[in-house]
Amino acid sequence: MNITIEALSDDKLYEAIQIWNVVVDDGEAFPQMEFLDKDTGNVFFNQQSYTGVAFDKETNEVVGLYILHPNNVGRCGHICNASYAIKKERRGQHIGELLVKHCMKKARELGFQILQFNAVVKSNTAALALYKKLGFVQLGVIPKGFMLKDGTYEDIIVHYIDLKNIQSF
């Protein structure tokens, strides 16, 4: 497996949209409920500070992506936020770790000082383990902060990491 991460390009847009929409449809991680199409996906991904796409250099298959953007504005504009999506068939292959590390480096390059996750769903154990491994700090639990696809609610856990203090990857 030879994974490379680079900025989203037009030739990878369709695959990125498909991966994103699967996570939205699963209803277990992203707050979005609407699917992206070519037009809305192009607008959405281009509105981000950065959209990174992971692809297998041997097959040119898109295997994951992330979006990076400010978490707030003005006096809190130094804090960024990100979301990650891995192709369902490629989960468990450490692609998420590559994406998060790349995202942290890119965030620093863009001048962000803190990366904050507002809503890590408590049942997303793979993400929770990865963020712990990478040194993210759990700030607290928001009870029933995320509505699952079936209409029930799940707790969310807010995380952050100070990008100035992370080691280079």
N, C-alpha and C. Protein backbone atom coordinates (compact mmCIF):
# COMPACT_ATOMS: atom_id res chain seq x y z
N MET A 1 0.86 -1.18 0.00
CA MET A 1 0.00 0.00 0.00
C MET A 1 0.90 1.23 0.00
N ASN A 2 0.74 2.06 -1.01
CA ASN A 2 1.55 3.27 -1.16
C ASN A 2 0.59 4.46 -1.22
N ILE A 3 0.30 5.05 -0.07
CA ILE A 3 -0.70 6.11 0.04
C ILE A 3 -0.02 7.47 -0.02
N THR A 4 -0.57 8.34 -0.86
CA THR A 4 -0.12 9.72 -0.98
C THR A 4 -1.31 10.63 -0.67
N ILE A 5 -1.03 11.76 -0.04
CA ILE A 5 -2.08 12.73 0.25
C ILE A 5 -1.72 14.04 -0.42
N GLU A 6 -2.67 14.58 -1.16
CA GLU A 6 -2.46 15.87 -1.81
C GLU A 6 -3.78 16.60 -1.91
N ALA A 7 -3.72 17.83 -2.36
CA ALA A 7 -4.92 18.65 -2.47
C ALA A 7 -5.90 18.03 -3.46
N LEU A 8 -7.17 18.15 -3.16
CA LEU A 8 -8.22 17.64 -4.04
C LEU A 8 -8.08 18.25 -5.42
N SER A 9 -8.16 17.41 -6.43
CA SER A 9 -8.12 17.87 -7.83
C SER A 9 -9.41 17.42 -8.51
N ASP A 10 -9.73 18.05 -9.61
CA ASP A 10 -10.97 17.75 -10.33
C ASP A 10 -11.11 16.28 -10.68
N ASP A 11 -10.01 15.61 -11.00
CA ASP A 11 -10.09 14.21 -11.40
C ASP A 11 -10.38 13.27 -10.22
N LYS A 12 -10.28 13.78 -9.01
CA LYS A 12 -10.58 12.95 -7.83
C LYS A 12 -11.86 13.38 -7.12
N LEU A 13 -12.52 14.40 -7.66
CA LEU A 13 -13.72 14.94 -7.03
C LEU A 13 -14.83 13.90 -6.90
N TYR A 14 -15.14 13.17 -7.95
CA TYR A 14 -16.24 12.20 -7.92
C TYR A 14 -16.02 11.15 -6.83
N GLU A 15 -14.80 10.60 -6.77
CA GLU A 15 -14.52 9.58 -5.75
C GLU A 15 -14.59 10.16 -4.35
N ALA A 16 -14.11 11.39 -4.18
CA ALA A 16 -14.17 12.03 -2.86
C ALA A 16 -15.62 12.21 -2.43
N ILE A 17 -16.47 12.64 -3.35
CA ILE A 17 -17.89 12.81 -3.04
C ILE A 17 -18.51 11.49 -2.64
N GLN A 18 -18.18 10.42 -3.34
CA GLN A 18 -18.74 9.10 -3.02
C GLN A 18 -18.35 8.66 -1.62
N ILE A 19 -17.10 8.84 -1.26
CA ILE A 19 -16.63 8.46 0.08
C ILE A 19 -17.34 9.30 1.14
N TRP A 20 -17.41 10.60 0.91
CA TRP A 20 -18.08 11.51 1.84
C TRP A 20 -19.53 11.09 2.05
N ASN A 21 -20.23 10.81 0.95
CA ASN A 21 -21.65 10.47 1.03
C ASN A 21 -21.91 9.17 1.77
N VAL A 22 -20.99 8.22 1.70
CA VAL A 22 -21.15 6.97 2.45
C VAL A 22 -21.12 7.28 3.95
N VAL A 23 -20.22 8.14 4.38
CA VAL A 23 -20.14 8.49 5.81
C VAL A 23 -21.41 9.24 6.23
N VAL A 24 -21.88 10.14 5.39
CA VAL A 24 -23.13 10.84 5.68
C VAL A 24 -24.28 9.84 5.79
N ASP A 25 -24.34 8.91 4.85
CA ASP A 25 -25.42 7.92 4.84
C ASP A 25 -25.36 6.99 6.05
N ASP A 26 -24.16 6.66 6.49
CA ASP A 26 -24.02 5.81 7.69
C ASP A 26 -24.68 6.46 8.90
N GLY A 27 -24.63 7.79 8.97
CA GLY A 27 -25.28 8.52 10.05
C GLY A 27 -24.68 8.30 11.41
N GLU A 28 -23.36 8.01 11.46
CA GLU A 28 -22.71 7.69 12.73
C GLU A 28 -21.56 8.63 13.09
N ALA A 29 -21.21 9.58 12.19
CA ALA A 29 -20.03 10.40 12.47
C ALA A 29 -20.18 11.86 12.03
N PHE A 30 -20.70 12.11 10.85
CA PHE A 30 -20.79 13.48 10.35
C PHE A 30 -22.12 14.10 10.72
N PRO A 31 -22.12 15.40 11.07
CA PRO A 31 -23.40 16.05 11.37
C PRO A 31 -24.24 16.32 10.13
N GLN A 32 -23.61 16.35 8.95
CA GLN A 32 -24.36 16.61 7.72
C GLN A 32 -25.38 15.51 7.45
N MET A 33 -26.50 15.91 6.89
CA MET A 33 -27.55 14.95 6.53
C MET A 33 -27.80 14.94 5.02
N GLU A 34 -27.31 15.94 4.32
CA GLU A 34 -27.53 16.04 2.88
C GLU A 34 -26.34 15.45 2.13
N PHE A 35 -26.66 14.76 1.05
CA PHE A 35 -25.61 14.21 0.20
C PHE A 35 -25.07 15.29 -0.72
N LEU A 36 -23.82 15.11 -1.12
CA LEU A 36 -23.21 16.01 -2.09
C LEU A 36 -23.38 15.44 -3.49
N ASP A 37 -23.55 16.33 -4.46
CA ASP A 37 -23.48 15.93 -5.86
C ASP A 37 -22.28 16.65 -6.46
N LYS A 38 -22.08 16.55 -7.75
CA LYS A 38 -20.90 17.15 -8.37
C LYS A 38 -20.83 18.65 -8.09
N ASP A 39 -21.94 19.34 -8.23
CA ASP A 39 -21.94 20.80 -8.04
C ASP A 39 -21.78 21.18 -6.57
N THR A 40 -22.60 20.60 -5.69
CA THR A 40 -22.51 20.97 -4.28
C THR A 40 -21.20 20.47 -3.66
N GLY A 41 -20.72 19.33 -4.12
CA GLY A 41 -19.45 18.81 -3.63
C GLY A 41 -18.29 19.71 -4.03
N ASN A 42 -18.30 20.15 -5.26
CA ASN A 42 -17.24 21.05 -5.72
C ASN A 42 -17.23 22.33 -4.90
N VAL A 43 -18.39 22.92 -4.67
CA VAL A 43 -18.49 24.14 -3.87
C VAL A 43 -18.04 23.86 -2.43
N PHE A 44 -18.57 22.81 -1.83
CA PHE A 44 -18.27 22.48 -0.43
C PHE A 44 -16.76 22.27 -0.22
N PHE A 45 -16.16 21.42 -1.03
CA PHE A 45 -14.75 21.10 -0.84
C PHE A 45 -13.86 22.32 -1.13
N ASN A 46 -14.25 23.15 -2.08
CA ASN A 46 -13.45 24.33 -2.40
C ASN A 46 -13.63 25.47 -1.40
N GLN A 47 -14.65 25.41 -0.55
CA GLN A 47 -14.85 26.42 0.49
C GLN A 47 -13.95 26.17 1.70
N GLN A 48 -13.35 25.02 1.78
CA GLN A 48 -12.51 24.67 2.92
C GLN A 48 -11.16 25.38 2.82
N SER A 49 -10.48 25.53 3.92
CA SER A 49 -9.11 26.03 3.88
C SER A 49 -8.22 25.06 3.10
N TYR A 50 -8.53 23.77 3.25
CA TYR A 50 -7.79 22.74 2.52
C TYR A 50 -8.63 21.48 2.50
N THR A 51 -8.66 20.82 1.36
CA THR A 51 -9.25 19.49 1.25
C THR A 51 -8.15 18.57 0.76
N GLY A 52 -7.79 17.62 1.60
CA GLY A 52 -6.75 16.66 1.25
C GLY A 52 -7.36 15.33 0.87
N VAL A 53 -6.79 14.71 -0.15
CA VAL A 53 -7.28 13.43 -0.64
C VAL A 53 -6.16 12.41 -0.57
N ALA A 54 -6.45 11.27 0.04
CA ALA A 54 -5.50 10.16 0.10
C ALA A 54 -5.82 9.21 -1.04
N PHE A 55 -4.78 8.86 -1.79
CA PHE A 55 -5.01 7.88 -2.85
C PHE A 55 -3.86 6.90 -2.91
N ASP A 56 -4.18 5.73 -3.39
CA ASP A 56 -3.22 4.65 -3.54
C ASP A 56 -2.46 4.90 -4.85
N LYS A 57 -1.17 5.14 -4.74
CA LYS A 57 -0.38 5.46 -5.93
C LYS A 57 -0.31 4.31 -6.92
N GLU A 58 -0.47 3.08 -6.43
CA GLU A 58 -0.39 1.93 -7.32
C GLU A 58 -1.64 1.78 -8.17
N THR A 59 -2.81 2.10 -7.59
CA THR A 59 -4.07 1.92 -8.30
C THR A 59 -4.75 3.23 -8.67
N ASN A 60 -4.24 4.34 -8.13
CA ASN A 60 -4.83 5.69 -8.27
C ASN A 60 -6.23 5.77 -7.66
N GLU A 61 -6.58 4.82 -6.81
CA GLU A 61 -7.87 4.80 -6.12
C GLU A 61 -7.87 5.78 -4.96
N VAL A 62 -8.90 6.61 -4.88
CA VAL A 62 -9.06 7.50 -3.73
C VAL A 62 -9.53 6.64 -2.56
N VAL A 63 -8.82 6.73 -1.42
CA VAL A 63 -9.13 5.87 -0.28
C VAL A 63 -9.58 6.66 0.94
N GLY A 64 -9.48 7.99 0.87
CA GLY A 64 -9.92 8.81 2.00
C GLY A 64 -9.71 10.28 1.70
N LEU A 65 -10.22 11.11 2.61
CA LEU A 65 -10.07 12.54 2.45
C LEU A 65 -10.28 13.23 3.78
N TYR A 66 -9.88 14.49 3.82
CA TYR A 66 -10.20 15.33 4.97
C TYR A 66 -10.47 16.75 4.52
N ILE A 67 -11.28 17.43 5.32
CA ILE A 67 -11.48 18.85 5.13
C ILE A 67 -10.93 19.57 6.34
N LEU A 68 -10.35 20.74 6.12
CA LEU A 68 -9.76 21.56 7.17
C LEU A 68 -10.26 22.98 6.99
N HIS A 69 -10.71 23.59 8.08
CA HIS A 69 -11.28 24.93 8.00
C HIS A 69 -11.25 25.57 9.39
N PRO A 70 -11.43 26.90 9.46
CA PRO A 70 -11.48 27.54 10.78
C PRO A 70 -12.64 26.99 11.60
N ASN A 71 -12.41 26.85 12.89
CA ASN A 71 -13.48 26.43 13.78
C ASN A 71 -14.35 27.61 14.18
N ASN A 72 -13.78 28.81 14.10
CA ASN A 72 -14.51 30.01 14.48
C ASN A 72 -13.87 31.18 13.75
N VAL A 73 -14.19 32.39 14.11
CA VAL A 73 -13.69 33.58 13.43
C VAL A 73 -13.04 34.53 14.41
N GLY A 74 -12.44 35.58 13.88
CA GLY A 74 -11.91 36.65 14.71
C GLY A 74 -10.91 36.19 15.73
N ARG A 75 -11.19 36.49 16.98
CA ARG A 75 -10.26 36.18 18.07
C ARG A 75 -10.10 34.68 18.33
N CYS A 76 -10.96 33.90 17.71
CA CYS A 76 -10.83 32.43 17.81
C CYS A 76 -10.43 31.82 16.45
N GLY A 77 -10.05 32.66 15.51
CA GLY A 77 -9.70 32.20 14.17
C GLY A 77 -8.43 31.38 14.08
N HIS A 78 -7.66 31.31 15.15
CA HIS A 78 -6.43 30.51 15.16
C HIS A 78 -6.74 29.03 15.45
N ILE A 79 -8.00 28.74 15.72
CA ILE A 79 -8.42 27.36 15.99
C ILE A 79 -9.08 26.80 14.74
N CYS A 80 -8.65 25.62 14.33
CA CYS A 80 -9.24 24.99 13.15
C CYS A 80 -10.00 23.74 13.55
N ASN A 81 -10.71 23.20 12.57
CA ASN A 81 -11.54 22.02 12.74
C ASN A 81 -11.33 21.17 11.50
N ALA A 82 -11.56 19.89 11.62
CA ALA A 82 -11.39 19.00 10.48
C ALA A 82 -12.36 17.83 10.58
N SER A 83 -12.62 17.23 9.43
CA SER A 83 -13.41 16.00 9.34
C SER A 83 -12.68 15.05 8.40
N TYR A 84 -12.81 13.76 8.70
CA TYR A 84 -12.09 12.73 7.96
C TYR A 84 -13.07 11.67 7.47
N ALA A 85 -12.83 11.17 6.26
CA ALA A 85 -13.66 10.11 5.70
C ALA A 85 -12.74 9.10 5.02
N ILE A 86 -12.94 7.84 5.35
CA ILE A 86 -12.15 6.74 4.78
C ILE A 86 -13.09 5.86 3.97
N LYS A 87 -12.64 5.45 2.80
CA LYS A 87 -13.43 4.52 1.99
C LYS A 87 -13.73 3.28 2.82
N LYS A 88 -14.99 2.89 2.83
CA LYS A 88 -15.45 1.82 3.73
C LYS A 88 -14.59 0.55 3.60
N GLU A 89 -14.27 0.18 2.38
CA GLU A 89 -13.51 -1.05 2.15
C GLU A 89 -12.06 -0.94 2.59
N ARG A 90 -11.60 0.27 2.88
CA ARG A 90 -10.19 0.48 3.24
C ARG A 90 -10.00 0.88 4.70
N ARG A 91 -11.08 0.86 5.47
CA ARG A 91 -10.96 1.21 6.89
C ARG A 91 -10.14 0.14 7.61
N GLY A 92 -9.46 0.56 8.68
CA GLY A 92 -8.63 -0.37 9.45
C GLY A 92 -7.23 -0.53 8.89
N GLN A 93 -6.87 0.27 7.88
CA GLN A 93 -5.55 0.17 7.24
C GLN A 93 -4.65 1.36 7.60
N HIS A 94 -5.00 2.09 8.64
CA HIS A 94 -4.22 3.23 9.15
C HIS A 94 -4.22 4.44 8.22
N ILE A 95 -5.17 4.48 7.30
CA ILE A 95 -5.30 5.63 6.41
C ILE A 95 -5.75 6.85 7.20
N GLY A 96 -6.62 6.65 8.17
CA GLY A 96 -7.07 7.75 9.02
C GLY A 96 -5.91 8.40 9.75
N GLU A 97 -4.99 7.61 10.24
CA GLU A 97 -3.82 8.17 10.93
C GLU A 97 -2.99 9.02 9.98
N LEU A 98 -2.80 8.55 8.75
CA LEU A 98 -2.06 9.33 7.76
C LEU A 98 -2.77 10.66 7.49
N LEU A 99 -4.10 10.61 7.38
CA LEU A 99 -4.87 11.82 7.11
C LEU A 99 -4.77 12.82 8.27
N VAL A 100 -4.91 12.34 9.50
CA VAL A 100 -4.87 13.24 10.66
C VAL A 100 -3.48 13.87 10.78
N LYS A 101 -2.44 13.10 10.60
CA LYS A 101 -1.08 13.64 10.69
C LYS A 101 -0.84 14.68 9.59
N HIS A 102 -1.28 14.38 8.39
CA HIS A 102 -1.14 15.32 7.28
C HIS A 102 -1.92 16.59 7.58
N CYS A 103 -3.11 16.43 8.12
CA CYS A 103 -3.98 17.55 8.46
C CYS A 103 -3.32 18.45 9.51
N MET A 104 -2.73 17.86 10.53
CA MET A 104 -2.07 18.67 11.56
C MET A 104 -0.91 19.47 10.97
N LYS A 105 -0.15 18.84 10.09
CA LYS A 105 0.96 19.54 9.44
C LYS A 105 0.43 20.67 8.55
N LYS A 106 -0.59 20.38 7.78
CA LYS A 106 -1.17 21.39 6.89
C LYS A 106 -1.76 22.54 7.70
N ALA A 107 -2.41 22.23 8.80
CA ALA A 107 -2.99 23.27 9.66
C ALA A 107 -1.91 24.22 10.16
N ARG A 108 -0.80 23.67 10.58
CA ARG A 108 0.32 24.52 11.02
C ARG A 108 0.83 25.38 9.88
N GLU A 109 0.96 24.79 8.69
CA GLU A 109 1.42 25.55 7.52
C GLU A 109 0.48 26.72 7.23
N LEU A 110 -0.80 26.52 7.47
CA LEU A 110 -1.80 27.57 7.20
C LEU A 110 -1.92 28.57 8.34
N GLY A 111 -1.14 28.38 9.40
CA GLY A 111 -1.11 29.34 10.49
C GLY A 111 -2.05 29.05 11.66
N PHE A 112 -2.71 27.92 11.63
CA PHE A 112 -3.56 27.55 12.76
C PHE A 112 -2.69 27.10 13.93
N GLN A 113 -3.16 27.33 15.15
CA GLN A 113 -2.40 26.96 16.34
C GLN A 113 -3.02 25.79 17.10
N ILE A 114 -4.32 25.60 16.94
CA ILE A 114 -5.03 24.54 17.67
C ILE A 114 -5.97 23.83 16.69
N LEU A 115 -6.04 22.53 16.79
CA LEU A 115 -7.01 21.74 16.04
C LEU A 115 -8.02 21.21 17.04
N GLN A 116 -9.28 21.54 16.81
CA GLN A 116 -10.35 21.15 17.73
C GLN A 116 -11.38 20.31 17.00
N PHE A 117 -11.82 19.25 17.65
CA PHE A 117 -12.92 18.44 17.15
C PHE A 117 -14.11 18.68 18.06
N ASN A 118 -15.17 19.18 17.51
CA ASN A 118 -16.34 19.56 18.30
C ASN A 118 -17.25 18.39 18.64
N ALA A 119 -17.20 17.34 17.83
CA ALA A 119 -18.22 16.31 17.99
C ALA A 119 -17.73 14.93 17.58
N VAL A 120 -16.83 14.36 18.37
CA VAL A 120 -16.42 12.98 18.13
C VAL A 120 -17.45 12.08 18.82
N VAL A 121 -18.15 11.32 18.04
CA VAL A 121 -19.22 10.48 18.58
C VAL A 121 -18.61 9.38 19.45
N LYS A 122 -19.19 9.20 20.63
CA LYS A 122 -18.66 8.28 21.64
C LYS A 122 -18.50 6.85 21.11
N SER A 123 -19.37 6.43 20.21
CA SER A 123 -19.28 5.06 19.69
C SER A 123 -18.23 4.91 18.58
N ASN A 124 -17.60 6.01 18.18
CA ASN A 124 -16.56 5.96 17.15
C ASN A 124 -15.23 5.61 17.83
N THR A 125 -15.13 4.36 18.25
CA THR A 125 -13.99 3.93 19.05
C THR A 125 -12.67 4.00 18.29
N ALA A 126 -12.69 3.77 16.98
CA ALA A 126 -11.45 3.85 16.21
C ALA A 126 -10.91 5.27 16.22
N ALA A 127 -11.77 6.25 16.02
CA ALA A 127 -11.33 7.65 16.06
C ALA A 127 -10.84 8.03 17.45
N LEU A 128 -11.58 7.63 18.47
CA LEU A 128 -11.18 7.95 19.84
C LEU A 128 -9.80 7.38 20.16
N ALA A 129 -9.54 6.15 19.75
CA ALA A 129 -8.23 5.53 20.00
C ALA A 129 -7.13 6.25 19.23
N LEU A 130 -7.41 6.63 18.00
CA LEU A 130 -6.41 7.34 17.20
C LEU A 130 -6.08 8.70 17.80
N TYR A 131 -7.10 9.45 18.18
CA TYR A 131 -6.85 10.78 18.74
C TYR A 131 -6.07 10.69 20.05
N LYS A 132 -6.36 9.68 20.85
CA LYS A 132 -5.60 9.48 22.09
C LYS A 132 -4.14 9.17 21.76
N LYS A 133 -3.92 8.28 20.81
CA LYS A 133 -2.58 7.90 20.39
C LYS A 133 -1.77 9.11 19.92
N LEU A 134 -2.43 10.04 19.23
CA LEU A 134 -1.75 11.20 18.66
C LEU A 134 -1.62 12.35 19.64
N GLY A 135 -2.17 12.20 20.85
CA GLY A 135 -1.97 13.21 21.88
C GLY A 135 -3.07 14.25 22.02
N PHE A 136 -4.22 14.02 21.42
CA PHE A 136 -5.34 14.95 21.59
C PHE A 136 -5.84 14.89 23.03
N VAL A 137 -6.32 16.01 23.51
CA VAL A 137 -6.87 16.11 24.87
C VAL A 137 -8.39 16.08 24.77
N GLN A 138 -9.01 15.22 25.57
CA GLN A 138 -10.48 15.20 25.65
C GLN A 138 -10.91 16.29 26.62
N LEU A 139 -11.79 17.18 26.15
CA LEU A 139 -12.24 18.28 27.00
C LEU A 139 -13.48 17.94 27.81
N GLY A 140 -14.33 17.10 27.28
CA GLY A 140 -15.54 16.77 28.00
C GLY A 140 -16.56 16.12 27.10
N VAL A 141 -17.63 15.67 27.72
CA VAL A 141 -18.69 14.96 27.03
C VAL A 141 -19.93 15.85 26.97
N ILE A 142 -20.54 15.88 25.81
CA ILE A 142 -21.84 16.54 25.65
C ILE A 142 -22.86 15.42 25.51
N PRO A 143 -23.64 15.19 26.57
CA PRO A 143 -24.62 14.10 26.53
C PRO A 143 -25.63 14.29 25.39
N LYS A 144 -25.85 13.23 24.66
CA LYS A 144 -26.83 13.21 23.58
C LYS A 144 -26.61 14.34 22.58
N GLY A 145 -25.35 14.62 22.26
CA GLY A 145 -25.02 15.72 21.36
C GLY A 145 -25.09 15.38 19.89
N PHE A 146 -25.28 14.12 19.55
CA PHE A 146 -25.30 13.70 18.15
C PHE A 146 -26.52 12.82 17.89
N MET A 147 -27.27 13.17 16.86
CA MET A 147 -28.43 12.36 16.50
C MET A 147 -28.01 11.31 15.47
N LEU A 148 -28.14 10.06 15.84
CA LEU A 148 -27.84 8.97 14.92
C LEU A 148 -28.92 8.87 13.85
N LYS A 149 -28.64 8.09 12.82
CA LYS A 149 -29.55 7.93 11.69
C LYS A 149 -30.92 7.40 12.12
N ASP A 150 -30.94 6.58 13.17
CA ASP A 150 -32.21 6.00 13.62
C ASP A 150 -33.01 6.93 14.54
N GLY A 151 -32.49 8.16 14.75
CA GLY A 151 -33.20 9.14 15.58
C GLY A 151 -32.84 9.10 17.05
N THR A 152 -32.03 8.14 17.46
CA THR A 152 -31.57 8.12 18.86
C THR A 152 -30.36 9.05 18.99
N TYR A 153 -29.99 9.33 20.23
CA TYR A 153 -28.90 10.27 20.46
C TYR A 153 -27.72 9.58 21.13
N GLU A 154 -26.55 10.05 20.78
CA GLU A 154 -25.28 9.51 21.28
C GLU A 154 -24.48 10.68 21.86
N ASP A 155 -23.69 10.41 22.88
CA ASP A 155 -22.81 11.43 23.44
C ASP A 155 -21.71 11.79 22.44
N ILE A 156 -21.23 13.03 22.53
CA ILE A 156 -20.07 13.45 21.76
C ILE A 156 -18.99 13.94 22.71
N ILE A 157 -17.75 13.82 22.27
CA ILE A 157 -16.61 14.20 23.08
C ILE A 157 -15.80 15.25 22.32
N VAL A 158 -15.60 16.39 22.95
CA VAL A 158 -14.82 17.47 22.36
C VAL A 158 -13.34 17.21 22.62
N HIS A 159 -12.51 17.41 21.59
CA HIS A 159 -11.06 17.18 21.66
C HIS A 159 -10.32 18.39 21.13
N TYR A 160 -9.05 18.52 21.53
CA TYR A 160 -8.17 19.50 20.90
C TYR A 160 -6.73 19.05 21.02
N ILE A 161 -5.89 19.65 20.17
CA ILE A 161 -4.45 19.47 20.28
C ILE A 161 -3.80 20.80 19.93
N ASP A 162 -2.77 21.15 20.69
CA ASP A 162 -1.99 22.35 20.44
C ASP A 162 -0.98 22.01 19.35
N LEU A 163 -1.14 22.61 18.18
CA LEU A 163 -0.31 22.27 17.03
C LEU A 163 1.13 22.72 17.18
N LYS A 164 1.39 23.68 18.05
CA LYS A 164 2.76 24.14 18.25
C LYS A 164 3.60 23.10 18.97
N ASN A 165 2.98 22.24 19.73
CA ASN A 165 3.73 21.29 20.56
C ASN A 165 3.79 19.89 20.00
N ILE A 166 3.26 19.65 18.81
CA ILE A 166 3.33 18.29 18.27
C ILE A 166 4.65 18.08 17.57
N GLN A 167 5.08 16.85 17.55
CA GLN A 167 6.31 16.49 16.86
C GLN A 167 6.03 16.45 15.37
N SER A 168 7.07 16.65 14.58
CA SER A 168 6.92 16.56 13.13
C SER A 168 6.63 15.12 12.74
N PHE A 169 5.89 15.00 11.67
CA PHE A 169 5.55 13.65 11.17
C PHE A 169 6.27 13.40 9.87
